[in-house]
Amino acid sequence: MNTKSLVLMALLVSVGAALYVVIPGFNGGMKPDFMLTMMFIGILLFPNVKNVFLLAVTTGILSGLFSTFPGGFLPNVIDKLITAFVFLLAVTLLKKFADKLPAVITLAAFGTLLSGTIFLSAAIVIIGAEIPFLPLVLTVVLPATALNAVAIGLIYPIVIQLVRRSKFETSVSTA
C-alpha cells in the first residue's frame, strides 16, 4: 500500500462523502449511499484485502456518522465491511470481465442491493427496530440500486480515464 493509492482512495471516499451529504433524502430522510459507489470504484482499482479493509472501514464509519437513520452507525459499519469483501470476491471471480462497464454497473447494482439488505437486517437485529423490511427494500434500496448503477456508469469511465493518464498503479492501469 503506497501513498499514491492511499491518496486516490481518500479522494474517492471524500467525493462519496460530499455527494452523500448534499443529496437530499427521500422516504422519511433515507438517502442513497454514494459513498458505496466510490467504495466500489476503489475496490475495482485496488482489489486486495488490505485496501478493501481500509476502504470498508473508512466508508462505514463516515456513512455511519452521516446516517440519517436512527441508530444507523453500527449497521453502516457492518454493512460496508460485509459488502466490500463480497464485492471483492465477485471482482476476483469475474477478473476477466470486471473492468468492462456493463460488468461494473452490474456488480455495483448487486453490491448496492446487498448493502441495503445487510443494512436493514443489521438495523432490525442490533437496534431492535421494528421497521417494515420489504417496503423499505422496495422504496429505498431498489431506487438506491438504480441510482448507484447510473452513478457508477457515469463516474467510473471518468475515473478510469484519469487513472490511465496519471502515474497511479492500479488494477486498471496494469491491465
C-alpha atoms as a PDB file:
ATOM      1  CA  MET A   1       0.000   0.000   0.000  1.00  0.00           C
ATOM      2  CA  ASN A   2       1.720   3.163  -1.158  1.00  0.00           C
ATOM      3  CA  THR A   3       0.974   6.828  -0.601  1.00  0.00           C
ATOM      4  CA  LYS A   4      -0.431   7.374  -4.094  1.00  0.00           C
ATOM      5  CA  SER A   5      -3.012   4.643  -3.706  1.00  0.00           C
ATOM      6  CA  LEU A   6      -3.936   5.920  -0.238  1.00  0.00           C
ATOM      7  CA  VAL A   7      -4.426   9.427  -1.651  1.00  0.00           C
ATOM      8  CA  LEU A   8      -6.617   8.173  -4.500  1.00  0.00           C
ATOM      9  CA  MET A   9      -8.709   6.058  -2.120  1.00  0.00           C
ATOM     10  CA  ALA A  10      -9.064   9.057   0.222  1.00  0.00           C
ATOM     11  CA  LEU A  11     -10.187  11.229  -2.693  1.00  0.00           C
ATOM     12  CA  LEU A  12     -12.769   8.654  -3.738  1.00  0.00           C
ATOM     13  CA  VAL A  13     -14.131   8.352  -0.207  1.00  0.00           C
ATOM     14  CA  SER A  14     -14.226  12.136   0.242  1.00  0.00           C
ATOM     15  CA  VAL A  15     -16.089  12.660  -3.047  1.00  0.00           C
ATOM     16  CA  GLY A  16     -18.522   9.950  -1.953  1.00  0.00           C
ATOM     17  CA  ALA A  17     -18.968  11.649   1.420  1.00  0.00           C
ATOM     18  CA  ALA A  18     -19.600  15.021  -0.245  1.00  0.00           C
ATOM     19  CA  LEU A  19     -22.206  13.509  -2.559  1.00  0.00           C
ATOM     20  CA  TYR A  20     -23.802  11.702   0.375  1.00  0.00           C
ATOM     21  CA  VAL A  21     -24.140  14.937   2.336  1.00  0.00           C
ATOM     22  CA  VAL A  22     -25.570  17.068  -0.490  1.00  0.00           C
ATOM     23  CA  ILE A  23     -28.022  14.534  -1.949  1.00  0.00           C
ATOM     24  CA  PRO A  24     -31.441  15.113  -0.361  1.00  0.00           C
ATOM     25  CA  GLY A  25     -33.179  12.293   1.433  1.00  0.00           C
ATOM     26  CA  PHE A  26     -36.486  10.698   0.479  1.00  0.00           C
ATOM     27  CA  ASN A  27     -38.964   8.379   2.212  1.00  0.00           C
ATOM     28  CA  GLY A  28     -38.502   9.807   5.669  1.00  0.00           C
ATOM     29  CA  GLY A  29     -34.949  11.080   5.217  1.00  0.00           C
ATOM     30  CA  MET A  30     -33.412   7.888   3.811  1.00  0.00           C
ATOM     31  CA  LYS A  31     -30.950   8.546   1.006  1.00  0.00           C
ATOM     32  CA  PRO A  32     -28.851   6.599  -1.483  1.00  0.00           C
ATOM     33  CA  ASP A  33     -25.312   5.933  -0.294  1.00  0.00           C
ATOM     34  CA  PHE A  34     -22.948   7.376  -2.882  1.00  0.00           C
ATOM     35  CA  MET A  35     -20.001   6.541  -0.630  1.00  0.00           C
ATOM     36  CA  LEU A  36     -20.825   2.974  -1.554  1.00  0.00           C
ATOM     37  CA  THR A  37     -20.370   3.820  -5.238  1.00  0.00           C
ATOM     38  CA  MET A  38     -16.950   5.308  -4.549  1.00  0.00           C
ATOM     39  CA  MET A  39     -16.018   2.326  -2.372  1.00  0.00           C
ATOM     40  CA  PHE A  40     -16.845   0.047  -5.303  1.00  0.00           C
ATOM     41  CA  ILE A  41     -14.647   2.109  -7.620  1.00  0.00           C
ATOM     42  CA  GLY A  42     -11.840   1.941  -5.038  1.00  0.00           C
ATOM     43  CA  ILE A  43     -12.176  -1.837  -4.836  1.00  0.00           C
ATOM     44  CA  LEU A  44     -12.126  -2.130  -8.627  1.00  0.00           C
ATOM     45  CA  LEU A  45      -8.930  -0.040  -8.748  1.00  0.00           C
ATOM     46  CA  PHE A  46      -7.201  -1.649  -5.754  1.00  0.00           C
ATOM     47  CA  PRO A  47      -8.549  -5.208  -5.410  1.00  0.00           C
ATOM     48  CA  ASN A  48      -6.550  -6.524  -2.467  1.00  0.00           C
ATOM     49  CA  VAL A  49      -7.564  -7.332   1.085  1.00  0.00           C
ATOM     50  CA  LYS A  50      -5.675  -4.517   2.857  1.00  0.00           C
ATOM     51  CA  ASN A  51      -7.058  -1.801   0.602  1.00  0.00           C
ATOM     52  CA  VAL A  52     -10.571  -3.244   0.714  1.00  0.00           C
ATOM     53  CA  PHE A  53     -10.465  -3.382   4.515  1.00  0.00           C
ATOM     54  CA  LEU A  54      -9.306   0.236   4.680  1.00  0.00           C
ATOM     55  CA  LEU A  55     -11.982   1.383   2.222  1.00  0.00           C
ATOM     56  CA  ALA A  56     -14.706  -0.570   4.031  1.00  0.00           C
ATOM     57  CA  VAL A  57     -13.860   0.708   7.495  1.00  0.00           C
ATOM     58  CA  THR A  58     -13.464   4.328   6.350  1.00  0.00           C
ATOM     59  CA  THR A  59     -16.631   4.276   4.280  1.00  0.00           C
ATOM     60  CA  GLY A  60     -18.568   2.507   7.025  1.00  0.00           C
ATOM     61  CA  ILE A  61     -17.537   4.982   9.706  1.00  0.00           C
ATOM     62  CA  LEU A  62     -18.278   8.020   7.530  1.00  0.00           C
ATOM     63  CA  SER A  63     -21.603   6.563   6.384  1.00  0.00           C
ATOM     64  CA  GLY A  64     -22.477   5.871   9.997  1.00  0.00           C
ATOM     65  CA  LEU A  65     -21.572   9.373  11.099  1.00  0.00           C
ATOM     66  CA  PHE A  66     -23.643  10.964   8.333  1.00  0.00           C
ATOM     67  CA  SER A  67     -26.516   8.492   8.569  1.00  0.00           C
ATOM     68  CA  THR A  68     -29.985   9.942   8.999  1.00  0.00           C
ATOM     69  CA  PHE A  69     -31.306   6.525  10.024  1.00  0.00           C
ATOM     70  CA  PRO A  70     -31.867   6.333  13.797  1.00  0.00           C
ATOM     71  CA  GLY A  71     -29.069   4.226  15.284  1.00  0.00           C
ATOM     72  CA  GLY A  72     -27.550   3.771  11.827  1.00  0.00           C
ATOM     73  CA  PHE A  73     -23.875   3.931  12.812  1.00  0.00           C
ATOM     74  CA  LEU A  74     -23.201   0.276  13.650  1.00  0.00           C
ATOM     75  CA  PRO A  75     -25.408  -1.145  10.854  1.00  0.00           C
ATOM     76  CA  ASN A  76     -23.476   1.050   8.380  1.00  0.00           C
ATOM     77  CA  VAL A  77     -20.097  -0.237   9.557  1.00  0.00           C
ATOM     78  CA  ILE A  78     -21.253  -3.864   9.466  1.00  0.00           C
ATOM     79  CA  ASP A  79     -22.883  -3.419   6.085  1.00  0.00           C
ATOM     80  CA  LYS A  80     -19.814  -1.830   4.470  1.00  0.00           C
ATOM     81  CA  LEU A  81     -17.430  -4.487   5.814  1.00  0.00           C
ATOM     82  CA  ILE A  82     -19.523  -7.398   4.552  1.00  0.00           C
ATOM     83  CA  THR A  83     -20.439  -5.734   1.258  1.00  0.00           C
ATOM     84  CA  ALA A  84     -16.841  -4.737   0.493  1.00  0.00           C
ATOM     85  CA  PHE A  85     -15.487  -8.257   0.888  1.00  0.00           C
ATOM     86  CA  VAL A  86     -18.365  -9.865  -1.030  1.00  0.00           C
ATOM     87  CA  PHE A  87     -17.772  -7.279  -3.770  1.00  0.00           C
ATOM     88  CA  LEU A  88     -14.039  -8.110  -3.745  1.00  0.00           C
ATOM     89  CA  LEU A  89     -14.892 -11.796  -4.076  1.00  0.00           C
ATOM     90  CA  ALA A  90     -17.174 -11.051  -7.041  1.00  0.00           C
ATOM     91  CA  VAL A  91     -14.494  -8.889  -8.684  1.00  0.00           C
ATOM     92  CA  THR A  92     -11.912 -11.634  -8.143  1.00  0.00           C
ATOM     93  CA  LEU A  93     -14.186 -14.321  -9.588  1.00  0.00           C
ATOM     94  CA  LEU A  94     -15.044 -12.146 -12.594  1.00  0.00           C
ATOM     95  CA  LYS A  95     -11.499 -10.889 -13.082  1.00  0.00           C
ATOM     96  CA  LYS A  96     -11.632 -11.074 -16.899  1.00  0.00           C
ATOM     97  CA  PHE A  97     -14.817  -9.010 -17.124  1.00  0.00           C
ATOM     98  CA  ALA A  98     -14.641  -6.825 -14.006  1.00  0.00           C
ATOM     99  CA  ASP A  99     -13.154  -3.820 -15.813  1.00  0.00           C
ATOM    100  CA  LYS A 100     -15.836  -3.696 -18.541  1.00  0.00           C
ATOM    101  CA  LEU A 101     -18.511  -1.060 -17.941  1.00  0.00           C
ATOM    102  CA  PRO A 102     -21.556  -3.388 -18.168  1.00  0.00           C
ATOM    103  CA  ALA A 103     -19.945  -5.708 -15.607  1.00  0.00           C
ATOM    104  CA  VAL A 104     -19.034  -2.769 -13.367  1.00  0.00           C
ATOM    105  CA  ILE A 105     -22.622  -1.493 -13.459  1.00  0.00           C
ATOM    106  CA  THR A 106     -23.993  -4.971 -12.725  1.00  0.00           C
ATOM    107  CA  LEU A 107     -21.533  -5.501  -9.870  1.00  0.00           C
ATOM    108  CA  ALA A 108     -22.391  -2.101  -8.386  1.00  0.00           C
ATOM    109  CA  ALA A 109     -26.116  -2.810  -8.608  1.00  0.00           C
ATOM    110  CA  PHE A 110     -25.610  -6.198  -6.937  1.00  0.00           C
ATOM    111  CA  GLY A 111     -23.382  -4.611  -4.283  1.00  0.00           C
ATOM    112  CA  THR A 112     -25.883  -1.840  -3.548  1.00  0.00           C
ATOM    113  CA  LEU A 113     -28.742  -4.309  -3.237  1.00  0.00           C
ATOM    114  CA  LEU A 114     -26.631  -6.466  -0.925  1.00  0.00           C
ATOM    115  CA  SER A 115     -25.553  -3.429   1.100  1.00  0.00           C
ATOM    116  CA  GLY A 116     -29.095  -2.168   1.595  1.00  0.00           C
ATOM    117  CA  THR A 117     -30.331  -5.593   2.603  1.00  0.00           C
ATOM    118  CA  ILE A 118     -27.488  -6.067   5.089  1.00  0.00           C
ATOM    119  CA  PHE A 119     -28.000  -2.571   6.492  1.00  0.00           C
ATOM    120  CA  LEU A 120     -31.721  -3.067   7.094  1.00  0.00           C
ATOM    121  CA  SER A 121     -31.168  -6.566   8.532  1.00  0.00           C
ATOM    122  CA  ALA A 122     -28.452  -5.300  10.874  1.00  0.00           C
ATOM    123  CA  ALA A 123     -30.654  -2.393  11.967  1.00  0.00           C
ATOM    124  CA  ILE A 124     -33.502  -4.767  12.767  1.00  0.00           C
ATOM    125  CA  VAL A 125     -31.278  -7.194  14.691  1.00  0.00           C
ATOM    126  CA  ILE A 126     -28.932  -4.787  16.506  1.00  0.00           C
ATOM    127  CA  ILE A 127     -31.211  -1.877  17.239  1.00  0.00           C
ATOM    128  CA  GLY A 128     -34.321  -3.951  17.569  1.00  0.00           C
ATOM    129  CA  ALA A 129     -36.021  -1.540  15.244  1.00  0.00           C
ATOM    130  CA  GLU A 130     -39.466  -2.516  14.174  1.00  0.00           C
ATOM    131  CA  ILE A 131     -39.158  -1.313  10.633  1.00  0.00           C
ATOM    132  CA  PRO A 132     -41.068  -2.666   7.662  1.00  0.00           C
ATOM    133  CA  PHE A 133     -38.305  -4.566   5.839  1.00  0.00           C
ATOM    134  CA  LEU A 134     -39.939  -5.257   2.456  1.00  0.00           C
ATOM    135  CA  PRO A 135     -41.457  -1.784   1.983  1.00  0.00           C
ATOM    136  CA  LEU A 136     -38.068  -0.196   2.745  1.00  0.00           C
ATOM    137  CA  VAL A 137     -36.337  -2.527   0.300  1.00  0.00           C
ATOM    138  CA  LEU A 138     -38.862  -1.557  -2.358  1.00  0.00           C
ATOM    139  CA  THR A 139     -38.931   2.176  -1.642  1.00  0.00           C
ATOM    140  CA  VAL A 140     -35.323   2.861  -0.628  1.00  0.00           C
ATOM    141  CA  VAL A 141     -32.963   0.016  -1.548  1.00  0.00           C
ATOM    142  CA  LEU A 142     -34.204  -0.566  -5.094  1.00  0.00           C
ATOM    143  CA  PRO A 143     -34.194   3.156  -6.031  1.00  0.00           C
ATOM    144  CA  ALA A 144     -30.734   3.462  -4.445  1.00  0.00           C
ATOM    145  CA  THR A 145     -29.619   0.473  -6.502  1.00  0.00           C
ATOM    146  CA  ALA A 146     -30.803   2.142  -9.694  1.00  0.00           C
ATOM    147  CA  LEU A 147     -29.216   5.484  -8.741  1.00  0.00           C
ATOM    148  CA  ASN A 148     -25.891   3.869  -7.854  1.00  0.00           C
ATOM    149  CA  ALA A 149     -25.912   1.888 -11.119  1.00  0.00           C
ATOM    150  CA  VAL A 150     -26.426   5.106 -13.087  1.00  0.00           C
ATOM    151  CA  ALA A 151     -23.856   6.963 -10.970  1.00  0.00           C
ATOM    152  CA  ILE A 152     -21.154   4.339 -11.412  1.00  0.00           C
ATOM    153  CA  GLY A 153     -21.966   4.179 -15.131  1.00  0.00           C
ATOM    154  CA  LEU A 154     -21.198   7.905 -15.340  1.00  0.00           C
ATOM    155  CA  ILE A 155     -18.359   8.203 -12.829  1.00  0.00           C
ATOM    156  CA  TYR A 156     -16.340   5.023 -13.470  1.00  0.00           C
ATOM    157  CA  PRO A 157     -15.286   5.868 -17.072  1.00  0.00           C
ATOM    158  CA  ILE A 158     -14.144   9.324 -15.936  1.00  0.00           C
ATOM    159  CA  VAL A 159     -12.099   7.911 -13.057  1.00  0.00           C
ATOM    160  CA  ILE A 160     -10.565   5.272 -15.345  1.00  0.00           C
ATOM    161  CA  GLN A 161      -9.524   7.908 -17.890  1.00  0.00           C
ATOM    162  CA  LEU A 162      -7.926  10.000 -15.143  1.00  0.00           C
ATOM    163  CA  VAL A 163      -6.128   6.981 -13.688  1.00  0.00           C
ATOM    164  CA  ARG A 164      -4.793   5.914 -17.088  1.00  0.00           C
ATOM    165  CA  ARG A 165      -3.441   9.420 -17.749  1.00  0.00           C
ATOM    166  CA  SER A 166      -1.781   9.616 -14.359  1.00  0.00           C
ATOM    167  CA  LYS A 167       1.039   7.623 -12.839  1.00  0.00           C
ATOM    168  CA  PHE A 168      -1.221   5.685 -10.465  1.00  0.00           C
ATOM    169  CA  GLU A 169      -0.590   1.967 -10.345  1.00  0.00           C
ATOM    170  CA  THR A 170      -3.988   0.306 -10.169  1.00  0.00           C
ATOM    171  CA  SER A 171      -5.510  -2.898 -11.433  1.00  0.00           C
ATOM    172  CA  VAL A 172      -6.804  -0.880 -14.406  1.00  0.00           C
ATOM    173  CA  SER A 173      -3.502   0.779 -15.315  1.00  0.00           C
ATOM    174  CA  THR A 174      -1.634  -2.542 -15.192  1.00  0.00           C
ATOM    175  CA  ALA A 175      -4.260  -4.403 -17.230  1.00  0.00           C
END
